[in-house]
Amino acid sequence: MTPPPNYAFDTVRLTRWLAVGSLLGLIILGAAWELVLAPIRPGGSWLALKVLPLCIPLAGLLKNRMYTYRWVSLMVWIYFTEGVVRAWSDRAPGNYLAMLEVALCLALFVACALHVRLRFKNARALAADSGDITP
């Protein structure tokens, strides 16, 4: 008889891929937005360089480093703020792209926060099961 699947670890895996996917979405959206879709100046702008800081945590998320999830959940608010400001002040199609940026930022934050929380909860449960700590 096979044991039932461990849904806690499946949820952690899901939050990991949601975080990686939304971060990749932010990188692609930011570059495409400023170079092709709705650049500030015709032909693209230097504002496309805003995606470079988003490339730094990608390796940490792919390596599943807890510290990266923590600081990305704080860094994403800078991009969220930019999205809210540009959604309010920009014209179409820039304001629609800004709304998409806001949605991706919220997805990234929720994924990172849930990932950290679930990993700590699973670590506590494993430690309690092995007898290392008392619940």
N, C-alpha and C. Protein backbone atom coordinates (compact mmCIF):
# COMPACT_ATOMS: atom_id res chain seq x y z
N MET A 1 0.84 -1.18 0.00
CA MET A 1 0.00 0.00 0.00
C MET A 1 0.89 1.24 0.00
N THR A 2 0.59 2.18 -0.87
CA THR A 2 1.40 3.39 -0.95
C THR A 2 0.87 4.44 0.02
N PRO A 3 1.77 5.20 0.60
CA PRO A 3 1.32 6.25 1.53
C PRO A 3 0.64 7.38 0.76
N PRO A 4 -0.25 8.11 1.41
CA PRO A 4 -0.92 9.23 0.73
C PRO A 4 0.10 10.32 0.39
N PRO A 5 -0.15 11.07 -0.67
CA PRO A 5 0.79 12.12 -1.05
C PRO A 5 0.86 13.21 0.01
N ASN A 6 2.00 13.80 0.14
CA ASN A 6 2.19 14.87 1.11
C ASN A 6 1.85 16.20 0.46
N TYR A 7 0.66 16.69 0.75
CA TYR A 7 0.17 17.91 0.12
C TYR A 7 0.94 19.14 0.56
N ALA A 8 1.53 19.10 1.73
CA ALA A 8 2.29 20.26 2.21
C ALA A 8 3.49 20.52 1.31
N PHE A 9 4.20 19.47 0.93
CA PHE A 9 5.37 19.66 0.07
C PHE A 9 4.95 20.02 -1.36
N ASP A 10 3.79 19.52 -1.80
CA ASP A 10 3.29 19.90 -3.11
C ASP A 10 2.93 21.38 -3.14
N THR A 11 2.37 21.89 -2.05
CA THR A 11 2.02 23.30 -1.97
C THR A 11 3.27 24.17 -1.96
N VAL A 12 4.31 23.73 -1.26
CA VAL A 12 5.57 24.47 -1.25
C VAL A 12 6.14 24.52 -2.67
N ARG A 13 6.09 23.40 -3.36
CA ARG A 13 6.59 23.35 -4.74
C ARG A 13 5.77 24.28 -5.64
N LEU A 14 4.47 24.30 -5.43
CA LEU A 14 3.60 25.18 -6.22
C LEU A 14 3.92 26.65 -5.98
N THR A 15 4.13 27.03 -4.72
CA THR A 15 4.47 28.43 -4.43
C THR A 15 5.84 28.79 -5.01
N ARG A 16 6.74 27.84 -5.03
CA ARG A 16 8.05 28.09 -5.63
C ARG A 16 7.91 28.41 -7.12
N TRP A 17 7.15 27.60 -7.84
CA TRP A 17 7.01 27.81 -9.27
C TRP A 17 6.16 29.04 -9.58
N LEU A 18 5.22 29.36 -8.70
CA LEU A 18 4.46 30.60 -8.88
C LEU A 18 5.37 31.82 -8.70
N ALA A 19 6.27 31.75 -7.74
CA ALA A 19 7.22 32.85 -7.53
C ALA A 19 8.16 32.99 -8.72
N VAL A 20 8.71 31.89 -9.19
CA VAL A 20 9.63 31.93 -10.33
C VAL A 20 8.90 32.42 -11.58
N GLY A 21 7.69 31.92 -11.80
CA GLY A 21 6.92 32.33 -12.97
C GLY A 21 6.54 33.79 -12.96
N SER A 22 6.12 34.30 -11.81
CA SER A 22 5.74 35.71 -11.75
C SER A 22 6.97 36.61 -11.84
N LEU A 23 8.11 36.17 -11.31
CA LEU A 23 9.34 36.95 -11.46
C LEU A 23 9.78 36.98 -12.92
N LEU A 24 9.73 35.84 -13.59
CA LEU A 24 10.05 35.82 -15.02
C LEU A 24 9.07 36.68 -15.81
N GLY A 25 7.80 36.64 -15.42
CA GLY A 25 6.80 37.49 -16.07
C GLY A 25 7.11 38.96 -15.90
N LEU A 26 7.54 39.36 -14.71
CA LEU A 26 7.91 40.76 -14.47
C LEU A 26 9.12 41.17 -15.31
N ILE A 27 10.09 40.28 -15.43
CA ILE A 27 11.28 40.58 -16.23
C ILE A 27 10.91 40.75 -17.69
N ILE A 28 10.14 39.82 -18.22
CA ILE A 28 9.75 39.88 -19.64
C ILE A 28 8.85 41.08 -19.89
N LEU A 29 7.88 41.30 -19.00
CA LEU A 29 6.97 42.43 -19.17
C LEU A 29 7.73 43.76 -19.13
N GLY A 30 8.62 43.92 -18.16
CA GLY A 30 9.37 45.17 -18.03
C GLY A 30 10.22 45.46 -19.25
N ALA A 31 10.91 44.46 -19.76
CA ALA A 31 11.76 44.66 -20.94
C ALA A 31 10.91 44.93 -22.18
N ALA A 32 9.87 44.14 -22.38
CA ALA A 32 9.03 44.33 -23.57
C ALA A 32 8.29 45.66 -23.51
N TRP A 33 7.86 46.04 -22.34
CA TRP A 33 7.11 47.28 -22.15
C TRP A 33 7.95 48.48 -22.59
N GLU A 34 9.18 48.55 -22.10
CA GLU A 34 10.02 49.73 -22.35
C GLU A 34 10.74 49.68 -23.68
N LEU A 35 10.83 48.53 -24.29
CA LEU A 35 11.53 48.43 -25.57
C LEU A 35 10.59 48.38 -26.77
N VAL A 36 9.42 47.72 -26.61
CA VAL A 36 8.58 47.46 -27.78
C VAL A 36 7.13 47.92 -27.58
N LEU A 37 6.49 47.48 -26.50
CA LEU A 37 5.05 47.63 -26.37
C LEU A 37 4.58 49.07 -26.18
N ALA A 38 5.17 49.78 -25.23
CA ALA A 38 4.76 51.16 -24.96
C ALA A 38 5.93 51.95 -24.38
N PRO A 39 7.01 52.12 -25.15
CA PRO A 39 8.16 52.84 -24.61
C PRO A 39 7.85 54.33 -24.40
N ILE A 40 8.57 54.92 -23.48
CA ILE A 40 8.40 56.35 -23.22
C ILE A 40 8.81 57.16 -24.44
N ARG A 41 9.90 56.76 -25.08
CA ARG A 41 10.37 57.40 -26.31
C ARG A 41 10.28 56.40 -27.45
N PRO A 42 9.97 56.86 -28.65
CA PRO A 42 9.94 55.92 -29.79
C PRO A 42 11.29 55.22 -29.96
N GLY A 43 11.24 53.94 -30.20
CA GLY A 43 12.46 53.16 -30.39
C GLY A 43 12.99 52.55 -29.11
N GLY A 44 12.33 52.78 -27.99
CA GLY A 44 12.78 52.21 -26.71
C GLY A 44 13.41 53.24 -25.82
N SER A 45 13.57 52.89 -24.57
CA SER A 45 14.16 53.82 -23.61
C SER A 45 15.09 53.07 -22.67
N TRP A 46 15.90 53.85 -21.99
CA TRP A 46 16.83 53.28 -21.01
C TRP A 46 16.10 52.76 -19.78
N LEU A 47 14.82 53.08 -19.66
CA LEU A 47 14.05 52.60 -18.53
C LEU A 47 13.91 51.07 -18.53
N ALA A 48 14.26 50.45 -19.65
CA ALA A 48 14.24 48.98 -19.72
C ALA A 48 15.26 48.37 -18.76
N LEU A 49 16.22 49.15 -18.33
CA LEU A 49 17.22 48.64 -17.38
C LEU A 49 16.64 48.36 -16.00
N LYS A 50 15.38 48.77 -15.79
CA LYS A 50 14.75 48.53 -14.49
C LYS A 50 14.58 47.03 -14.21
N VAL A 51 14.66 46.21 -15.24
CA VAL A 51 14.49 44.76 -15.02
C VAL A 51 15.77 44.09 -14.54
N LEU A 52 16.90 44.75 -14.63
CA LEU A 52 18.16 44.13 -14.20
C LEU A 52 18.16 43.73 -12.73
N PRO A 53 17.65 44.56 -11.80
CA PRO A 53 17.61 44.09 -10.41
C PRO A 53 16.72 42.86 -10.21
N LEU A 54 15.75 42.65 -11.10
CA LEU A 54 14.89 41.47 -10.99
C LEU A 54 15.62 40.20 -11.42
N CYS A 55 16.67 40.34 -12.20
CA CYS A 55 17.43 39.17 -12.65
C CYS A 55 18.31 38.60 -11.53
N ILE A 56 18.66 39.42 -10.57
CA ILE A 56 19.54 38.98 -9.48
C ILE A 56 18.90 37.87 -8.64
N PRO A 57 17.65 38.01 -8.18
CA PRO A 57 17.10 36.95 -7.33
C PRO A 57 16.65 35.70 -8.07
N LEU A 58 16.67 35.72 -9.39
CA LEU A 58 16.19 34.56 -10.14
C LEU A 58 16.99 33.30 -9.81
N ALA A 59 18.29 33.42 -9.71
CA ALA A 59 19.12 32.26 -9.37
C ALA A 59 18.81 31.74 -7.97
N GLY A 60 18.60 32.63 -7.03
CA GLY A 60 18.27 32.22 -5.66
C GLY A 60 16.93 31.52 -5.56
N LEU A 61 15.95 32.00 -6.34
CA LEU A 61 14.65 31.33 -6.34
C LEU A 61 14.75 29.96 -6.98
N LEU A 62 15.53 29.86 -8.05
CA LEU A 62 15.69 28.56 -8.70
C LEU A 62 16.45 27.57 -7.82
N LYS A 63 17.35 28.08 -6.98
CA LYS A 63 18.08 27.22 -6.05
C LYS A 63 17.32 27.01 -4.74
N ASN A 64 16.14 27.62 -4.64
CA ASN A 64 15.25 27.45 -3.49
C ASN A 64 15.87 27.97 -2.19
N ARG A 65 16.49 29.11 -2.24
CA ARG A 65 17.11 29.71 -1.05
C ARG A 65 16.10 30.55 -0.29
N MET A 66 15.91 30.22 0.95
CA MET A 66 14.90 30.89 1.78
C MET A 66 15.16 32.39 1.89
N TYR A 67 16.41 32.79 2.05
CA TYR A 67 16.75 34.20 2.19
C TYR A 67 16.30 34.99 0.98
N THR A 68 16.41 34.42 -0.21
CA THR A 68 16.01 35.11 -1.44
C THR A 68 14.51 35.36 -1.43
N TYR A 69 13.73 34.38 -1.02
CA TYR A 69 12.28 34.58 -0.95
C TYR A 69 11.93 35.72 -0.01
N ARG A 70 12.66 35.83 1.07
CA ARG A 70 12.37 36.89 2.05
C ARG A 70 12.64 38.28 1.48
N TRP A 71 13.80 38.48 0.87
CA TRP A 71 14.09 39.85 0.41
C TRP A 71 13.40 40.18 -0.89
N VAL A 72 13.05 39.19 -1.69
CA VAL A 72 12.26 39.48 -2.91
C VAL A 72 10.87 39.96 -2.51
N SER A 73 10.31 39.40 -1.44
CA SER A 73 8.99 39.84 -1.01
C SER A 73 9.00 41.30 -0.54
N LEU A 74 10.16 41.83 -0.21
CA LEU A 74 10.28 43.24 0.14
C LEU A 74 10.60 44.09 -1.09
N MET A 75 11.46 43.58 -1.96
CA MET A 75 11.87 44.33 -3.14
C MET A 75 10.73 44.53 -4.13
N VAL A 76 9.81 43.59 -4.18
CA VAL A 76 8.74 43.64 -5.18
C VAL A 76 7.84 44.86 -5.00
N TRP A 77 7.82 45.44 -3.81
CA TRP A 77 6.96 46.60 -3.57
C TRP A 77 7.42 47.83 -4.34
N ILE A 78 8.69 47.89 -4.70
CA ILE A 78 9.17 49.00 -5.54
C ILE A 78 8.50 48.93 -6.91
N TYR A 79 8.45 47.75 -7.48
CA TYR A 79 7.82 47.56 -8.78
C TYR A 79 6.30 47.70 -8.69
N PHE A 80 5.73 47.28 -7.58
CA PHE A 80 4.30 47.47 -7.35
C PHE A 80 3.96 48.95 -7.36
N THR A 81 4.76 49.75 -6.67
CA THR A 81 4.53 51.20 -6.62
C THR A 81 4.64 51.82 -8.00
N GLU A 82 5.65 51.41 -8.76
CA GLU A 82 5.78 51.93 -10.12
C GLU A 82 4.55 51.57 -10.95
N GLY A 83 4.06 50.35 -10.81
CA GLY A 83 2.89 49.93 -11.55
C GLY A 83 1.64 50.72 -11.19
N VAL A 84 1.45 50.96 -9.91
CA VAL A 84 0.28 51.73 -9.47
C VAL A 84 0.35 53.16 -9.99
N VAL A 85 1.52 53.78 -9.89
CA VAL A 85 1.67 55.16 -10.36
C VAL A 85 1.44 55.24 -11.87
N ARG A 86 2.03 54.33 -12.61
CA ARG A 86 1.88 54.38 -14.07
C ARG A 86 0.49 53.94 -14.52
N ALA A 87 -0.17 53.09 -13.78
CA ALA A 87 -1.55 52.72 -14.12
C ALA A 87 -2.48 53.92 -13.95
N TRP A 88 -2.17 54.75 -12.96
CA TRP A 88 -2.99 55.92 -12.69
C TRP A 88 -2.68 57.07 -13.64
N SER A 89 -1.43 57.24 -14.02
CA SER A 89 -1.03 58.44 -14.75
C SER A 89 -0.77 58.23 -16.23
N ASP A 90 -0.61 57.01 -16.67
CA ASP A 90 -0.26 56.73 -18.06
C ASP A 90 -1.51 56.55 -18.91
N ARG A 91 -1.32 56.61 -20.22
CA ARG A 91 -2.40 56.35 -21.17
C ARG A 91 -2.27 54.92 -21.69
N ALA A 92 -3.33 54.47 -22.35
CA ALA A 92 -3.31 53.13 -22.95
C ALA A 92 -2.25 53.09 -24.04
N PRO A 93 -1.53 52.04 -24.23
CA PRO A 93 -1.59 50.74 -23.56
C PRO A 93 -0.73 50.68 -22.31
N GLY A 94 -0.01 51.77 -21.99
CA GLY A 94 0.88 51.76 -20.83
C GLY A 94 0.17 51.49 -19.52
N ASN A 95 -1.04 52.04 -19.37
CA ASN A 95 -1.74 51.82 -18.10
C ASN A 95 -2.20 50.36 -17.96
N TYR A 96 -2.52 49.70 -19.08
CA TYR A 96 -2.88 48.28 -19.00
C TYR A 96 -1.67 47.42 -18.66
N LEU A 97 -0.53 47.77 -19.21
CA LEU A 97 0.70 47.05 -18.88
C LEU A 97 1.06 47.26 -17.41
N ALA A 98 0.80 48.47 -16.91
CA ALA A 98 1.06 48.76 -15.50
C ALA A 98 0.15 47.93 -14.59
N MET A 99 -1.11 47.75 -15.00
CA MET A 99 -2.03 46.91 -14.21
C MET A 99 -1.56 45.46 -14.21
N LEU A 100 -1.03 45.01 -15.33
CA LEU A 100 -0.47 43.66 -15.39
C LEU A 100 0.75 43.55 -14.48
N GLU A 101 1.57 44.61 -14.44
CA GLU A 101 2.72 44.62 -13.54
C GLU A 101 2.27 44.53 -12.09
N VAL A 102 1.23 45.25 -11.73
CA VAL A 102 0.70 45.20 -10.36
C VAL A 102 0.23 43.79 -10.03
N ALA A 103 -0.48 43.15 -10.96
CA ALA A 103 -0.96 41.79 -10.72
C ALA A 103 0.20 40.81 -10.55
N LEU A 104 1.23 40.94 -11.37
CA LEU A 104 2.40 40.06 -11.24
C LEU A 104 3.13 40.31 -9.92
N CYS A 105 3.22 41.56 -9.50
CA CYS A 105 3.86 41.88 -8.22
C CYS A 105 3.10 41.26 -7.06
N LEU A 106 1.77 41.35 -7.11
CA LEU A 106 0.97 40.76 -6.03
C LEU A 106 1.11 39.24 -6.02
N ALA A 107 1.14 38.63 -7.20
CA ALA A 107 1.33 37.18 -7.27
C ALA A 107 2.70 36.78 -6.72
N LEU A 108 3.73 37.55 -7.04
CA LEU A 108 5.07 37.26 -6.54
C LEU A 108 5.14 37.41 -5.03
N PHE A 109 4.54 38.46 -4.50
CA PHE A 109 4.56 38.66 -3.05
C PHE A 109 3.84 37.54 -2.33
N VAL A 110 2.64 37.19 -2.80
CA VAL A 110 1.87 36.13 -2.15
C VAL A 110 2.62 34.80 -2.23
N ALA A 111 3.20 34.51 -3.38
CA ALA A 111 3.95 33.25 -3.53
C ALA A 111 5.14 33.21 -2.59
N CYS A 112 5.89 34.30 -2.50
CA CYS A 112 7.06 34.33 -1.60
C CYS A 112 6.65 34.22 -0.14
N ALA A 113 5.63 34.96 0.25
CA ALA A 113 5.18 34.93 1.64
C ALA A 113 4.66 33.54 2.02
N LEU A 114 3.86 32.94 1.15
CA LEU A 114 3.35 31.60 1.43
C LEU A 114 4.48 30.56 1.44
N HIS A 115 5.42 30.72 0.53
CA HIS A 115 6.53 29.77 0.47
C HIS A 115 7.32 29.78 1.77
N VAL A 116 7.66 30.96 2.25
CA VAL A 116 8.43 31.06 3.50
C VAL A 116 7.61 30.50 4.66
N ARG A 117 6.36 30.87 4.72
CA ARG A 117 5.51 30.41 5.82
C ARG A 117 5.36 28.89 5.82
N LEU A 118 5.12 28.32 4.66
CA LEU A 118 4.93 26.87 4.58
C LEU A 118 6.22 26.11 4.87
N ARG A 119 7.33 26.64 4.42
CA ARG A 119 8.59 25.94 4.70
C ARG A 119 8.91 25.96 6.18
N PHE A 120 8.65 27.09 6.87
CA PHE A 120 8.87 27.13 8.31
C PHE A 120 7.91 26.17 9.03
N LYS A 121 6.67 26.14 8.59
CA LYS A 121 5.69 25.25 9.20
C LYS A 121 6.09 23.79 9.01
N ASN A 122 6.54 23.43 7.81
CA ASN A 122 6.97 22.05 7.54
C ASN A 122 8.22 21.71 8.33
N ALA A 123 9.13 22.65 8.46
CA ALA A 123 10.36 22.39 9.23
C ALA A 123 10.03 22.15 10.69
N ARG A 124 9.09 22.93 11.24
CA ARG A 124 8.69 22.73 12.63
C ARG A 124 8.02 21.37 12.81
N ALA A 125 7.17 21.00 11.85
CA ALA A 125 6.49 19.70 11.94
C ALA A 125 7.48 18.55 11.85
N LEU A 126 8.45 18.64 10.95
CA LEU A 126 9.46 17.59 10.83
C LEU A 126 10.31 17.49 12.08
N ALA A 127 10.65 18.64 12.66
CA ALA A 127 11.45 18.63 13.88
C ALA A 127 10.67 18.03 15.03
N ALA A 128 9.38 18.35 15.09
CA ALA A 128 8.54 17.80 16.17
C ALA A 128 8.37 16.28 15.99
N ASP A 129 8.26 15.82 14.75
CA ASP A 129 8.10 14.39 14.51
C ASP A 129 9.38 13.63 14.83
N SER A 130 10.51 14.26 14.63
CA SER A 130 11.77 13.56 14.90
C SER A 130 12.17 13.65 16.36
N GLY A 131 11.43 14.45 17.14
CA GLY A 131 11.71 14.54 18.57
C GLY A 131 12.71 15.61 18.93
N ASP A 132 13.09 16.46 17.97
CA ASP A 132 14.06 17.51 18.26
C ASP A 132 13.47 18.61 19.13
N ILE A 133 12.20 18.94 18.90
CA ILE A 133 11.56 19.98 19.70
C ILE A 133 10.19 19.48 20.13
N THR A 134 9.65 20.12 21.12
CA THR A 134 8.30 19.79 21.55
C THR A 134 7.34 20.83 20.97
N PRO A 135 6.18 20.39 20.52
CA PRO A 135 5.23 21.33 19.92
C PRO A 135 4.66 22.31 20.91
